[in-house]
């Protein structure tokens, strides 16, 4: 059996003590992947952003808030794992400056200066060595092309392509692609069903 690191949920990048950038990720896909992994007997560590879903008791859960926090913890945890499933939707941008106090209304437009956050899956993929990495690619257009570009850039062994309709939904529709660009499987249904099928492909192709 494998020790699998799963990232799940969104992250938050604070603008001031009360406001932050985030996205609509619910953590449901991550939780379903945890359930599917545990059902196969794998050991699971979850690094999760702020979510309302509950993860199965059999998993070790490490909560984080920001993308920076998630990357730091994932790099620590990945050392003792066999592979990574990057199902989280980390915030891609953060403010250059976080205000120490709540930003007050002035009646004028507010300009935000944002920079990109570090890519968690790409960072871990570049450091994976003999471990395997499965990424997720959520796109609004050119799904397969963009997913394959991410697979290569992030050093993934497989990538799961889905659309924005999956966010905060009970269901999902995905394609699993390999580095050759082959669609290994197309799956639609509940997130638990999709998770079971994803784990079946990972078990067949990556877990030794």
N, C-alpha and C. Protein backbone atom coordinates (compact mmCIF):
# COMPACT_ATOMS: atom_id res chain seq x y z
N UNK A 1 0.83 -1.19 0.00
CA UNK A 1 0.00 0.00 0.00
C UNK A 1 0.87 1.26 0.00
N UNK A 2 0.29 2.36 -0.46
CA UNK A 2 1.06 3.60 -0.60
C UNK A 2 0.68 4.61 0.49
N UNK A 3 1.58 5.54 0.73
CA UNK A 3 1.28 6.70 1.57
C UNK A 3 1.06 7.85 0.61
N UNK A 4 -0.18 8.34 0.53
CA UNK A 4 -0.57 9.35 -0.46
C UNK A 4 -0.80 10.70 0.22
N UNK A 5 -0.19 11.72 -0.35
CA UNK A 5 -0.42 13.10 0.08
C UNK A 5 -1.48 13.69 -0.83
N UNK A 6 -2.55 14.22 -0.26
CA UNK A 6 -3.64 14.81 -1.04
C UNK A 6 -3.82 16.26 -0.60
N UNK A 7 -3.77 17.18 -1.55
CA UNK A 7 -4.11 18.57 -1.24
C UNK A 7 -5.57 18.80 -1.60
N UNK A 8 -6.23 19.65 -0.83
CA UNK A 8 -7.68 19.81 -1.00
C UNK A 8 -8.12 21.21 -0.62
N UNK A 9 -9.22 21.64 -1.24
CA UNK A 9 -9.84 22.90 -0.87
C UNK A 9 -9.15 24.12 -1.45
N UNK A 10 -9.64 25.31 -1.10
CA UNK A 10 -9.05 26.56 -1.56
C UNK A 10 -7.99 27.05 -0.59
N UNK A 11 -7.33 28.12 -0.94
CA UNK A 11 -6.51 28.86 0.02
C UNK A 11 -7.01 30.30 0.05
N UNK A 12 -6.54 31.04 1.03
CA UNK A 12 -6.91 32.44 1.18
C UNK A 12 -5.67 33.31 1.19
N UNK A 13 -5.73 34.41 0.46
CA UNK A 13 -4.65 35.39 0.46
C UNK A 13 -5.23 36.71 0.97
N UNK A 14 -4.87 37.07 2.19
CA UNK A 14 -5.50 38.21 2.85
C UNK A 14 -5.02 39.54 2.26
N UNK A 15 -5.98 40.46 2.13
CA UNK A 15 -5.70 41.84 1.73
C UNK A 15 -5.53 42.74 2.96
N UNK A 16 -6.31 42.43 3.99
CA UNK A 16 -6.25 43.11 5.27
C UNK A 16 -6.75 42.10 6.31
N UNK A 17 -6.93 42.45 7.56
CA UNK A 17 -7.31 41.45 8.56
C UNK A 17 -8.65 40.76 8.32
N UNK A 18 -9.52 41.32 7.46
CA UNK A 18 -10.86 40.74 7.29
C UNK A 18 -11.18 40.34 5.85
N UNK A 19 -10.45 40.83 4.88
CA UNK A 19 -10.75 40.55 3.47
C UNK A 19 -9.66 39.70 2.85
N UNK A 20 -10.09 38.83 1.94
CA UNK A 20 -9.10 37.97 1.29
C UNK A 20 -9.54 37.57 -0.11
N UNK A 21 -8.58 37.13 -0.92
CA UNK A 21 -8.84 36.52 -2.23
C UNK A 21 -8.97 35.03 -2.03
N UNK A 22 -9.92 34.42 -2.74
CA UNK A 22 -10.07 32.96 -2.67
C UNK A 22 -10.84 32.49 -3.90
N UNK A 23 -11.38 31.28 -3.86
CA UNK A 23 -12.20 30.76 -4.96
C UNK A 23 -13.28 29.85 -4.39
N UNK A 24 -14.08 29.27 -5.26
CA UNK A 24 -15.26 28.53 -4.83
C UNK A 24 -15.01 27.05 -4.53
N UNK A 25 -13.76 26.64 -4.45
CA UNK A 25 -13.48 25.23 -4.15
C UNK A 25 -14.07 24.84 -2.80
N UNK A 26 -14.77 23.70 -2.78
CA UNK A 26 -15.44 23.24 -1.56
C UNK A 26 -14.65 22.19 -0.79
N UNK A 27 -13.68 21.55 -1.44
CA UNK A 27 -12.96 20.44 -0.82
C UNK A 27 -13.65 19.09 -1.01
N UNK A 28 -14.81 19.07 -1.70
CA UNK A 28 -15.54 17.81 -1.85
C UNK A 28 -14.77 16.78 -2.69
N UNK A 29 -14.10 17.26 -3.75
CA UNK A 29 -13.33 16.32 -4.57
C UNK A 29 -12.17 15.76 -3.78
N UNK A 30 -11.52 16.61 -3.01
CA UNK A 30 -10.43 16.13 -2.16
C UNK A 30 -10.90 15.12 -1.15
N UNK A 31 -12.04 15.40 -0.51
CA UNK A 31 -12.58 14.48 0.49
C UNK A 31 -12.95 13.14 -0.14
N UNK A 32 -13.49 13.19 -1.36
CA UNK A 32 -13.84 11.95 -2.07
C UNK A 32 -12.59 11.14 -2.40
N UNK A 33 -11.52 11.81 -2.78
CA UNK A 33 -10.26 11.12 -3.06
C UNK A 33 -9.67 10.51 -1.80
N UNK A 34 -9.83 11.18 -0.68
CA UNK A 34 -9.38 10.62 0.59
C UNK A 34 -10.15 9.35 0.90
N UNK A 35 -11.47 9.39 0.77
CA UNK A 35 -12.31 8.22 1.04
C UNK A 35 -11.93 7.06 0.14
N UNK A 36 -11.75 7.34 -1.14
CA UNK A 36 -11.40 6.30 -2.10
C UNK A 36 -10.03 5.69 -1.79
N UNK A 37 -9.08 6.53 -1.39
CA UNK A 37 -7.74 6.05 -1.06
C UNK A 37 -7.76 5.17 0.18
N UNK A 38 -8.47 5.60 1.21
CA UNK A 38 -8.57 4.82 2.44
C UNK A 38 -9.27 3.49 2.20
N UNK A 39 -10.28 3.51 1.33
CA UNK A 39 -11.02 2.28 1.04
C UNK A 39 -10.13 1.22 0.40
N UNK A 40 -9.07 1.66 -0.27
CA UNK A 40 -8.13 0.73 -0.89
C UNK A 40 -7.00 0.33 0.06
N UNK A 41 -7.03 0.88 1.27
CA UNK A 41 -6.03 0.51 2.26
C UNK A 41 -4.81 1.41 2.30
N UNK A 42 -4.83 2.51 1.56
CA UNK A 42 -3.68 3.40 1.55
C UNK A 42 -3.65 4.28 2.81
N UNK A 43 -2.47 4.73 3.17
CA UNK A 43 -2.30 5.73 4.22
C UNK A 43 -2.43 7.10 3.57
N UNK A 44 -3.16 8.00 4.21
CA UNK A 44 -3.44 9.30 3.59
C UNK A 44 -3.12 10.44 4.53
N UNK A 45 -2.37 11.42 4.00
CA UNK A 45 -2.18 12.70 4.67
C UNK A 45 -2.84 13.76 3.80
N UNK A 46 -3.70 14.58 4.42
CA UNK A 46 -4.41 15.63 3.70
C UNK A 46 -3.89 16.99 4.16
N UNK A 47 -3.52 17.82 3.20
CA UNK A 47 -3.20 19.22 3.51
C UNK A 47 -4.34 20.03 2.91
N UNK A 48 -5.15 20.63 3.77
CA UNK A 48 -6.40 21.25 3.33
C UNK A 48 -6.48 22.71 3.69
N UNK A 49 -6.96 23.49 2.73
CA UNK A 49 -7.32 24.87 3.01
C UNK A 49 -8.64 24.91 3.75
N UNK A 50 -9.16 26.11 4.04
CA UNK A 50 -10.39 26.25 4.82
C UNK A 50 -11.61 25.69 4.07
N UNK A 51 -12.23 24.66 4.62
CA UNK A 51 -13.40 24.02 4.02
C UNK A 51 -14.42 23.68 5.10
N UNK A 52 -15.65 23.42 4.67
CA UNK A 52 -16.69 22.98 5.60
C UNK A 52 -16.87 21.47 5.57
N UNK A 53 -16.34 20.80 4.57
CA UNK A 53 -16.47 19.34 4.50
C UNK A 53 -15.62 18.71 5.60
N UNK A 54 -16.02 17.52 6.01
CA UNK A 54 -15.25 16.76 6.99
C UNK A 54 -14.51 15.64 6.27
N UNK A 55 -13.25 15.47 6.62
CA UNK A 55 -12.47 14.39 6.03
C UNK A 55 -12.61 13.13 6.87
N UNK A 56 -12.50 11.96 6.25
CA UNK A 56 -12.63 10.70 7.00
C UNK A 56 -11.64 10.62 8.16
N UNK A 57 -12.09 9.99 9.23
CA UNK A 57 -11.28 9.90 10.45
C UNK A 57 -9.97 9.14 10.22
N UNK A 58 -9.92 8.29 9.21
CA UNK A 58 -8.73 7.50 8.97
C UNK A 58 -7.57 8.27 8.38
N UNK A 59 -7.82 9.50 7.94
CA UNK A 59 -6.76 10.31 7.34
C UNK A 59 -6.17 11.27 8.36
N UNK A 60 -4.91 11.59 8.17
CA UNK A 60 -4.28 12.65 8.97
C UNK A 60 -4.47 13.96 8.21
N UNK A 61 -5.08 14.95 8.86
CA UNK A 61 -5.42 16.21 8.21
C UNK A 61 -4.57 17.34 8.79
N UNK A 62 -3.92 18.07 7.91
CA UNK A 62 -3.13 19.24 8.31
C UNK A 62 -3.80 20.48 7.70
N UNK A 63 -4.44 21.32 8.52
CA UNK A 63 -5.11 22.50 7.98
C UNK A 63 -4.13 23.65 7.72
N UNK A 64 -4.37 24.37 6.62
CA UNK A 64 -3.58 25.54 6.29
C UNK A 64 -4.51 26.64 5.81
N UNK A 65 -3.97 27.84 5.62
CA UNK A 65 -4.80 28.96 5.15
C UNK A 65 -4.31 29.47 3.80
N UNK A 66 -3.07 29.89 3.72
CA UNK A 66 -2.56 30.52 2.50
C UNK A 66 -1.88 29.52 1.58
N UNK A 67 -1.65 29.95 0.35
CA UNK A 67 -0.90 29.12 -0.60
C UNK A 67 0.51 28.88 -0.10
N UNK A 68 1.11 29.90 0.49
CA UNK A 68 2.46 29.74 1.04
C UNK A 68 2.50 28.69 2.14
N UNK A 69 1.48 28.71 3.01
CA UNK A 69 1.39 27.71 4.07
C UNK A 69 1.26 26.31 3.48
N UNK A 70 0.39 26.19 2.48
CA UNK A 70 0.15 24.88 1.86
C UNK A 70 1.43 24.33 1.24
N UNK A 71 2.18 25.18 0.55
CA UNK A 71 3.43 24.72 -0.07
C UNK A 71 4.44 24.30 0.99
N UNK A 72 4.59 25.09 2.04
CA UNK A 72 5.56 24.76 3.09
C UNK A 72 5.25 23.40 3.72
N UNK A 73 3.99 23.19 4.08
CA UNK A 73 3.60 21.93 4.72
C UNK A 73 3.72 20.77 3.74
N UNK A 74 3.31 20.97 2.50
CA UNK A 74 3.39 19.89 1.51
C UNK A 74 4.83 19.45 1.27
N UNK A 75 5.75 20.39 1.24
CA UNK A 75 7.15 20.01 1.03
C UNK A 75 7.66 19.18 2.20
N UNK A 76 7.20 19.51 3.40
CA UNK A 76 7.59 18.72 4.58
C UNK A 76 6.98 17.33 4.54
N UNK A 77 5.69 17.26 4.21
CA UNK A 77 4.98 15.97 4.24
C UNK A 77 5.36 15.06 3.08
N UNK A 78 5.70 15.65 1.94
CA UNK A 78 5.97 14.85 0.74
C UNK A 78 7.19 13.96 0.91
N UNK A 79 8.09 14.35 1.79
CA UNK A 79 9.30 13.56 2.02
C UNK A 79 8.99 12.13 2.44
N UNK A 80 7.89 11.93 3.18
CA UNK A 80 7.56 10.60 3.69
C UNK A 80 6.45 9.93 2.90
N UNK A 81 6.09 10.48 1.74
CA UNK A 81 4.98 9.93 0.94
C UNK A 81 5.48 9.27 -0.34
N UNK A 82 4.63 8.43 -0.90
CA UNK A 82 4.95 7.77 -2.17
C UNK A 82 4.46 8.55 -3.37
N UNK A 83 3.43 9.37 -3.16
CA UNK A 83 2.88 10.13 -4.28
C UNK A 83 1.98 11.24 -3.81
N UNK A 84 1.65 12.12 -4.75
CA UNK A 84 0.82 13.30 -4.48
C UNK A 84 -0.36 13.34 -5.42
N UNK A 85 -1.54 13.64 -4.89
CA UNK A 85 -2.70 13.99 -5.70
C UNK A 85 -3.02 15.45 -5.38
N UNK A 86 -2.77 16.33 -6.31
CA UNK A 86 -2.95 17.76 -6.08
C UNK A 86 -4.34 18.21 -6.48
N UNK A 87 -5.31 17.97 -5.60
CA UNK A 87 -6.71 18.30 -5.90
C UNK A 87 -7.12 19.68 -5.37
N UNK A 88 -6.24 20.34 -4.64
CA UNK A 88 -6.57 21.66 -4.10
C UNK A 88 -6.65 22.70 -5.22
N UNK A 89 -7.29 23.82 -4.90
CA UNK A 89 -7.34 24.96 -5.82
C UNK A 89 -6.69 26.16 -5.12
N UNK A 90 -5.37 26.15 -5.00
CA UNK A 90 -4.70 27.25 -4.30
C UNK A 90 -4.90 28.57 -5.04
N UNK A 91 -4.97 29.63 -4.29
CA UNK A 91 -5.09 30.97 -4.87
C UNK A 91 -3.81 31.27 -5.66
N UNK A 92 -3.96 31.71 -6.90
CA UNK A 92 -2.82 31.91 -7.78
C UNK A 92 -2.14 33.26 -7.60
N UNK A 93 -2.80 34.17 -6.90
CA UNK A 93 -2.24 35.51 -6.73
C UNK A 93 -2.33 35.94 -5.28
N UNK A 94 -1.41 36.79 -4.87
CA UNK A 94 -1.43 37.36 -3.53
C UNK A 94 -1.08 38.84 -3.63
N UNK A 95 -1.56 39.64 -2.68
CA UNK A 95 -1.21 41.06 -2.73
C UNK A 95 0.26 41.29 -2.40
N UNK A 96 0.84 42.27 -3.02
CA UNK A 96 2.22 42.64 -2.72
C UNK A 96 2.34 43.09 -1.28
N UNK A 97 1.29 43.79 -0.81
CA UNK A 97 1.31 44.32 0.55
C UNK A 97 -0.02 44.00 1.23
N UNK A 98 0.04 43.46 2.44
CA UNK A 98 -1.16 43.19 3.24
C UNK A 98 -1.31 44.32 4.25
N UNK A 99 -2.45 45.00 4.19
CA UNK A 99 -2.69 46.12 5.10
C UNK A 99 -2.85 45.61 6.53
N UNK A 100 -2.22 46.25 7.51
CA UNK A 100 -2.33 45.79 8.90
C UNK A 100 -3.70 46.08 9.52
N UNK A 101 -4.44 47.04 8.96
CA UNK A 101 -5.76 47.38 9.45
C UNK A 101 -6.78 47.27 8.33
N UNK A 102 -8.05 47.18 8.72
CA UNK A 102 -9.12 47.07 7.73
C UNK A 102 -9.09 48.27 6.79
N UNK A 103 -9.15 47.98 5.48
CA UNK A 103 -9.14 49.04 4.47
C UNK A 103 -10.47 49.78 4.53
N UNK A 104 -10.43 51.08 4.76
CA UNK A 104 -11.64 51.88 4.89
C UNK A 104 -12.11 52.37 3.51
N UNK A 105 -13.42 52.52 3.37
CA UNK A 105 -13.97 53.11 2.15
C UNK A 105 -13.58 54.57 2.05
N UNK A 106 -13.25 55.01 0.83
CA UNK A 106 -12.89 56.41 0.61
C UNK A 106 -13.74 57.05 -0.47
N UNK A 107 -14.57 56.26 -1.14
CA UNK A 107 -15.33 56.76 -2.27
C UNK A 107 -14.55 56.74 -3.57
N UNK A 108 -13.32 56.26 -3.51
CA UNK A 108 -12.45 56.19 -4.69
C UNK A 108 -12.16 54.73 -5.04
N UNK A 109 -11.80 54.45 -6.30
CA UNK A 109 -11.43 53.08 -6.66
C UNK A 109 -10.24 52.58 -5.83
N UNK A 110 -10.23 51.30 -5.58
CA UNK A 110 -9.14 50.69 -4.83
C UNK A 110 -8.28 49.87 -5.79
N UNK A 111 -7.01 50.19 -5.86
CA UNK A 111 -6.10 49.45 -6.73
C UNK A 111 -5.39 48.37 -5.93
N UNK A 112 -5.42 47.14 -6.47
CA UNK A 112 -4.72 46.02 -5.85
C UNK A 112 -3.51 45.65 -6.70
N UNK A 113 -2.38 45.51 -6.08
CA UNK A 113 -1.18 45.08 -6.79
C UNK A 113 -0.91 43.63 -6.38
N UNK A 114 -1.05 42.73 -7.35
CA UNK A 114 -0.96 41.30 -7.07
C UNK A 114 0.23 40.68 -7.78
N UNK A 115 0.80 39.67 -7.14
CA UNK A 115 1.85 38.86 -7.78
C UNK A 115 1.46 37.40 -7.68
N UNK A 116 2.03 36.58 -8.54
CA UNK A 116 1.70 35.16 -8.55
C UNK A 116 2.27 34.47 -7.31
N UNK A 117 1.51 33.50 -6.80
CA UNK A 117 2.01 32.63 -5.74
C UNK A 117 2.81 31.49 -6.37
N UNK A 118 3.62 30.83 -5.58
CA UNK A 118 4.36 29.67 -6.08
C UNK A 118 3.39 28.54 -6.40
N UNK A 119 3.69 27.79 -7.44
CA UNK A 119 2.84 26.68 -7.86
C UNK A 119 3.21 25.44 -7.04
N UNK A 120 2.27 24.94 -6.28
CA UNK A 120 2.54 23.84 -5.35
C UNK A 120 2.85 22.55 -6.09
N UNK A 121 2.00 22.17 -7.03
CA UNK A 121 2.21 20.91 -7.75
C UNK A 121 3.49 20.97 -8.59
N UNK A 122 3.74 22.10 -9.23
CA UNK A 122 4.96 22.23 -10.03
C UNK A 122 6.21 22.13 -9.16
N UNK A 123 6.16 22.75 -7.99
CA UNK A 123 7.32 22.69 -7.08
C UNK A 123 7.57 21.26 -6.63
N UNK A 124 6.52 20.57 -6.19
CA UNK A 124 6.69 19.20 -5.73
C UNK A 124 7.03 18.26 -6.89
N UNK A 125 6.46 18.54 -8.06
CA UNK A 125 6.78 17.72 -9.23
C UNK A 125 8.24 17.80 -9.60
N UNK A 126 8.82 18.99 -9.49
CA UNK A 126 10.23 19.16 -9.82
C UNK A 126 11.14 18.47 -8.81
N UNK A 127 10.60 18.20 -7.61
CA UNK A 127 11.39 17.59 -6.54
C UNK A 127 11.00 16.14 -6.28
N UNK A 128 10.20 15.54 -7.14
CA UNK A 128 9.56 14.26 -6.80
C UNK A 128 10.52 13.07 -6.78
N UNK A 129 11.59 13.12 -7.56
CA UNK A 129 12.48 11.96 -7.59
C UNK A 129 11.75 10.73 -8.10
N UNK A 130 11.72 9.65 -7.29
CA UNK A 130 11.06 8.41 -7.69
C UNK A 130 9.58 8.38 -7.31
N UNK A 131 9.10 9.45 -6.73
CA UNK A 131 7.68 9.50 -6.36
C UNK A 131 6.83 9.93 -7.56
N UNK A 132 5.52 9.73 -7.46
CA UNK A 132 4.62 10.10 -8.55
C UNK A 132 3.76 11.29 -8.16
N UNK A 133 3.30 12.01 -9.18
CA UNK A 133 2.49 13.21 -8.97
C UNK A 133 1.31 13.20 -9.94
N UNK A 134 0.12 13.38 -9.39
CA UNK A 134 -1.09 13.51 -10.20
C UNK A 134 -1.66 14.91 -9.95
N UNK A 135 -1.79 15.69 -11.02
CA UNK A 135 -2.32 17.04 -10.89
C UNK A 135 -3.75 17.14 -11.37
N UNK A 136 -4.37 18.26 -11.06
CA UNK A 136 -5.71 18.60 -11.56
C UNK A 136 -5.59 19.88 -12.38
N UNK A 137 -6.33 19.95 -13.46
CA UNK A 137 -6.35 21.15 -14.29
C UNK A 137 -7.80 21.57 -14.49
N UNK A 138 -8.17 22.70 -13.90
CA UNK A 138 -9.51 23.24 -14.06
C UNK A 138 -9.43 24.43 -14.99
N UNK A 139 -10.08 24.32 -16.13
CA UNK A 139 -10.00 25.36 -17.15
C UNK A 139 -11.39 25.74 -17.64
N UNK A 140 -11.50 26.92 -18.25
CA UNK A 140 -12.76 27.36 -18.83
C UNK A 140 -12.78 27.21 -20.35
N UNK A 141 -11.62 26.93 -20.96
CA UNK A 141 -11.55 26.74 -22.41
C UNK A 141 -10.32 25.89 -22.74
N UNK A 142 -10.35 25.29 -23.93
CA UNK A 142 -9.23 24.46 -24.41
C UNK A 142 -8.77 23.50 -23.32
N UNK A 143 -9.73 22.78 -22.74
CA UNK A 143 -9.45 21.97 -21.55
C UNK A 143 -8.29 21.00 -21.76
N UNK A 144 -8.35 20.21 -22.81
CA UNK A 144 -7.34 19.16 -22.99
C UNK A 144 -5.96 19.75 -23.28
N UNK A 145 -5.92 20.75 -24.15
CA UNK A 145 -4.64 21.37 -24.50
C UNK A 145 -3.98 22.00 -23.28
N UNK A 146 -4.76 22.74 -22.52
CA UNK A 146 -4.21 23.41 -21.35
C UNK A 146 -3.82 22.40 -20.27
N UNK A 147 -4.60 21.32 -20.15
CA UNK A 147 -4.26 20.29 -19.17
C UNK A 147 -2.92 19.64 -19.51
N UNK A 148 -2.70 19.35 -20.77
CA UNK A 148 -1.44 18.72 -21.19
C UNK A 148 -0.26 19.67 -20.98
N UNK A 149 -0.49 20.95 -21.22
CA UNK A 149 0.58 21.93 -20.98
C UNK A 149 0.93 21.97 -19.49
N UNK A 150 -0.09 21.89 -18.64
CA UNK A 150 0.17 21.87 -17.19
C UNK A 150 0.86 20.58 -16.78
N UNK A 151 0.46 19.47 -17.36
CA UNK A 151 1.10 18.19 -17.04
C UNK A 151 2.60 18.26 -17.27
N UNK A 152 2.98 18.81 -18.42
CA UNK A 152 4.41 18.91 -18.74
C UNK A 152 5.12 19.90 -17.83
N UNK A 153 4.52 21.08 -17.65
CA UNK A 153 5.17 22.13 -16.86
C UNK A 153 5.31 21.74 -15.40
N UNK A 154 4.35 20.95 -14.89
CA UNK A 154 4.36 20.61 -13.47
C UNK A 154 4.98 19.24 -13.19
N UNK A 155 5.53 18.59 -14.23
CA UNK A 155 6.21 17.31 -14.06
C UNK A 155 5.27 16.24 -13.50
N UNK A 156 4.02 16.24 -13.99
CA UNK A 156 3.04 15.26 -13.51
C UNK A 156 3.16 13.95 -14.27
N UNK A 157 2.78 12.87 -13.60
CA UNK A 157 2.71 11.56 -14.25
C UNK A 157 1.35 11.34 -14.89
N UNK A 158 0.33 11.95 -14.33
CA UNK A 158 -1.03 11.97 -14.88
C UNK A 158 -1.63 13.32 -14.54
N UNK A 159 -2.63 13.73 -15.31
CA UNK A 159 -3.37 14.94 -14.95
C UNK A 159 -4.85 14.71 -15.17
N UNK A 160 -5.65 15.26 -14.27
CA UNK A 160 -7.10 15.14 -14.32
C UNK A 160 -7.65 16.47 -14.78
N UNK A 161 -8.30 16.47 -15.93
CA UNK A 161 -8.85 17.69 -16.50
C UNK A 161 -10.33 17.78 -16.17
N UNK A 162 -10.74 18.92 -15.61
CA UNK A 162 -12.16 19.15 -15.38
C UNK A 162 -12.48 20.61 -15.64
N UNK A 163 -13.76 20.98 -15.48
CA UNK A 163 -14.19 22.34 -15.81
C UNK A 163 -14.63 23.08 -14.56
N UNK A 164 -14.92 24.35 -14.73
CA UNK A 164 -15.31 25.19 -13.60
C UNK A 164 -16.63 24.74 -12.99
N UNK A 165 -17.44 23.97 -13.73
CA UNK A 165 -18.71 23.48 -13.20
C UNK A 165 -18.51 22.53 -12.02
N UNK A 166 -17.31 22.01 -11.85
CA UNK A 166 -17.03 21.09 -10.75
C UNK A 166 -16.94 21.80 -9.41
N UNK A 167 -16.69 23.11 -9.43
CA UNK A 167 -16.45 23.83 -8.18
C UNK A 167 -17.74 23.94 -7.36
N UNK A 168 -17.65 23.57 -6.10
CA UNK A 168 -18.78 23.62 -5.17
C UNK A 168 -19.96 22.79 -5.65
N UNK A 169 -19.66 21.72 -6.40
CA UNK A 169 -20.70 20.84 -6.93
C UNK A 169 -20.57 19.46 -6.29
N UNK A 170 -21.67 18.70 -6.32
CA UNK A 170 -21.64 17.33 -5.82
C UNK A 170 -21.11 16.35 -6.86
N UNK A 171 -21.12 16.77 -8.12
CA UNK A 171 -20.73 15.90 -9.23
C UNK A 171 -19.50 16.46 -9.94
N UNK A 172 -18.93 15.64 -10.81
CA UNK A 172 -17.77 16.07 -11.58
C UNK A 172 -17.74 15.29 -12.89
N UNK A 173 -17.07 15.86 -13.86
CA UNK A 173 -16.86 15.21 -15.16
C UNK A 173 -15.42 15.47 -15.55
N UNK A 174 -14.64 14.41 -15.71
CA UNK A 174 -13.20 14.58 -15.89
C UNK A 174 -12.66 13.71 -17.01
N UNK A 175 -11.48 14.08 -17.47
CA UNK A 175 -10.64 13.24 -18.31
C UNK A 175 -9.32 13.03 -17.60
N UNK A 176 -8.80 11.81 -17.66
CA UNK A 176 -7.47 11.53 -17.12
C UNK A 176 -6.52 11.35 -18.30
N UNK A 177 -5.45 12.16 -18.31
CA UNK A 177 -4.51 12.13 -19.43
C UNK A 177 -3.12 11.75 -18.95
N UNK A 178 -2.37 11.08 -19.82
CA UNK A 178 -0.99 10.73 -19.51
C UNK A 178 -0.04 11.65 -20.28
N UNK A 179 1.27 11.57 -20.05
CA UNK A 179 2.20 12.49 -20.72
C UNK A 179 2.21 12.39 -22.24
N UNK A 180 1.77 11.27 -22.79
CA UNK A 180 1.71 11.14 -24.24
C UNK A 180 0.49 11.84 -24.84
N UNK A 181 -0.39 12.35 -23.98
CA UNK A 181 -1.59 13.02 -24.46
C UNK A 181 -2.77 12.09 -24.65
N UNK A 182 -2.60 10.84 -24.24
CA UNK A 182 -3.69 9.86 -24.37
C UNK A 182 -4.73 10.08 -23.28
N UNK A 183 -5.99 10.05 -23.67
CA UNK A 183 -7.07 10.10 -22.69
C UNK A 183 -7.27 8.68 -22.16
N UNK A 184 -6.84 8.45 -20.92
CA UNK A 184 -6.92 7.11 -20.35
C UNK A 184 -8.33 6.76 -19.92
N UNK A 185 -9.07 7.77 -19.47
CA UNK A 185 -10.43 7.50 -19.02
C UNK A 185 -11.22 8.79 -18.96
N UNK A 186 -12.49 8.70 -19.33
CA UNK A 186 -13.45 9.79 -19.16
C UNK A 186 -14.48 9.34 -18.13
N UNK A 187 -14.72 10.16 -17.13
CA UNK A 187 -15.59 9.76 -16.02
C UNK A 187 -16.56 10.90 -15.72
N UNK A 188 -17.82 10.53 -15.47
CA UNK A 188 -18.82 11.52 -15.06
C UNK A 188 -19.70 10.90 -13.99
N UNK A 189 -20.03 11.69 -12.99
CA UNK A 189 -20.90 11.20 -11.93
C UNK A 189 -20.60 11.89 -10.62
N UNK A 190 -20.99 11.26 -9.53
CA UNK A 190 -20.71 11.82 -8.22
C UNK A 190 -19.20 11.92 -8.00
N UNK A 191 -18.79 12.83 -7.15
CA UNK A 191 -17.36 12.99 -6.92
C UNK A 191 -16.76 11.73 -6.30
N UNK A 192 -17.51 10.98 -5.53
CA UNK A 192 -16.98 9.74 -4.99
C UNK A 192 -16.77 8.71 -6.09
N UNK A 193 -17.72 8.62 -7.03
CA UNK A 193 -17.54 7.70 -8.16
C UNK A 193 -16.31 8.11 -8.98
N UNK A 194 -16.18 9.40 -9.24
CA UNK A 194 -15.04 9.89 -10.01
C UNK A 194 -13.74 9.59 -9.26
N UNK A 195 -13.75 9.79 -7.95
CA UNK A 195 -12.56 9.52 -7.14
C UNK A 195 -12.17 8.05 -7.21
N UNK A 196 -13.15 7.16 -7.13
CA UNK A 196 -12.87 5.72 -7.22
C UNK A 196 -12.18 5.38 -8.54
N UNK A 197 -12.66 5.97 -9.63
CA UNK A 197 -12.09 5.69 -10.95
C UNK A 197 -10.69 6.28 -11.09
N UNK A 198 -10.49 7.47 -10.53
CA UNK A 198 -9.15 8.07 -10.56
C UNK A 198 -8.17 7.18 -9.80
N UNK A 199 -8.59 6.70 -8.61
CA UNK A 199 -7.70 5.83 -7.84
C UNK A 199 -7.43 4.52 -8.55
N UNK A 200 -8.40 4.03 -9.31
CA UNK A 200 -8.19 2.79 -10.06
C UNK A 200 -7.09 2.98 -11.10
N UNK A 201 -7.10 4.13 -11.78
CA UNK A 201 -6.06 4.42 -12.77
C UNK A 201 -4.69 4.61 -12.09
N UNK A 202 -4.68 5.33 -10.98
CA UNK A 202 -3.42 5.53 -10.25
C UNK A 202 -2.87 4.20 -9.78
N UNK A 203 -3.74 3.34 -9.25
CA UNK A 203 -3.30 2.04 -8.75
C UNK A 203 -2.71 1.20 -9.88
N UNK A 204 -3.36 1.23 -11.02
CA UNK A 204 -2.90 0.42 -12.17
C UNK A 204 -1.58 0.91 -12.72
N UNK A 205 -1.38 2.22 -12.78
CA UNK A 205 -0.26 2.78 -13.53
C UNK A 205 0.89 3.30 -12.69
N UNK A 206 0.62 3.69 -11.44
CA UNK A 206 1.65 4.38 -10.67
C UNK A 206 2.07 3.69 -9.38
N UNK A 207 1.17 2.95 -8.75
CA UNK A 207 1.49 2.37 -7.45
C UNK A 207 2.10 1.00 -7.65
N UNK A 208 3.26 0.80 -7.07
CA UNK A 208 3.96 -0.49 -7.21
C UNK A 208 3.99 -1.22 -5.87
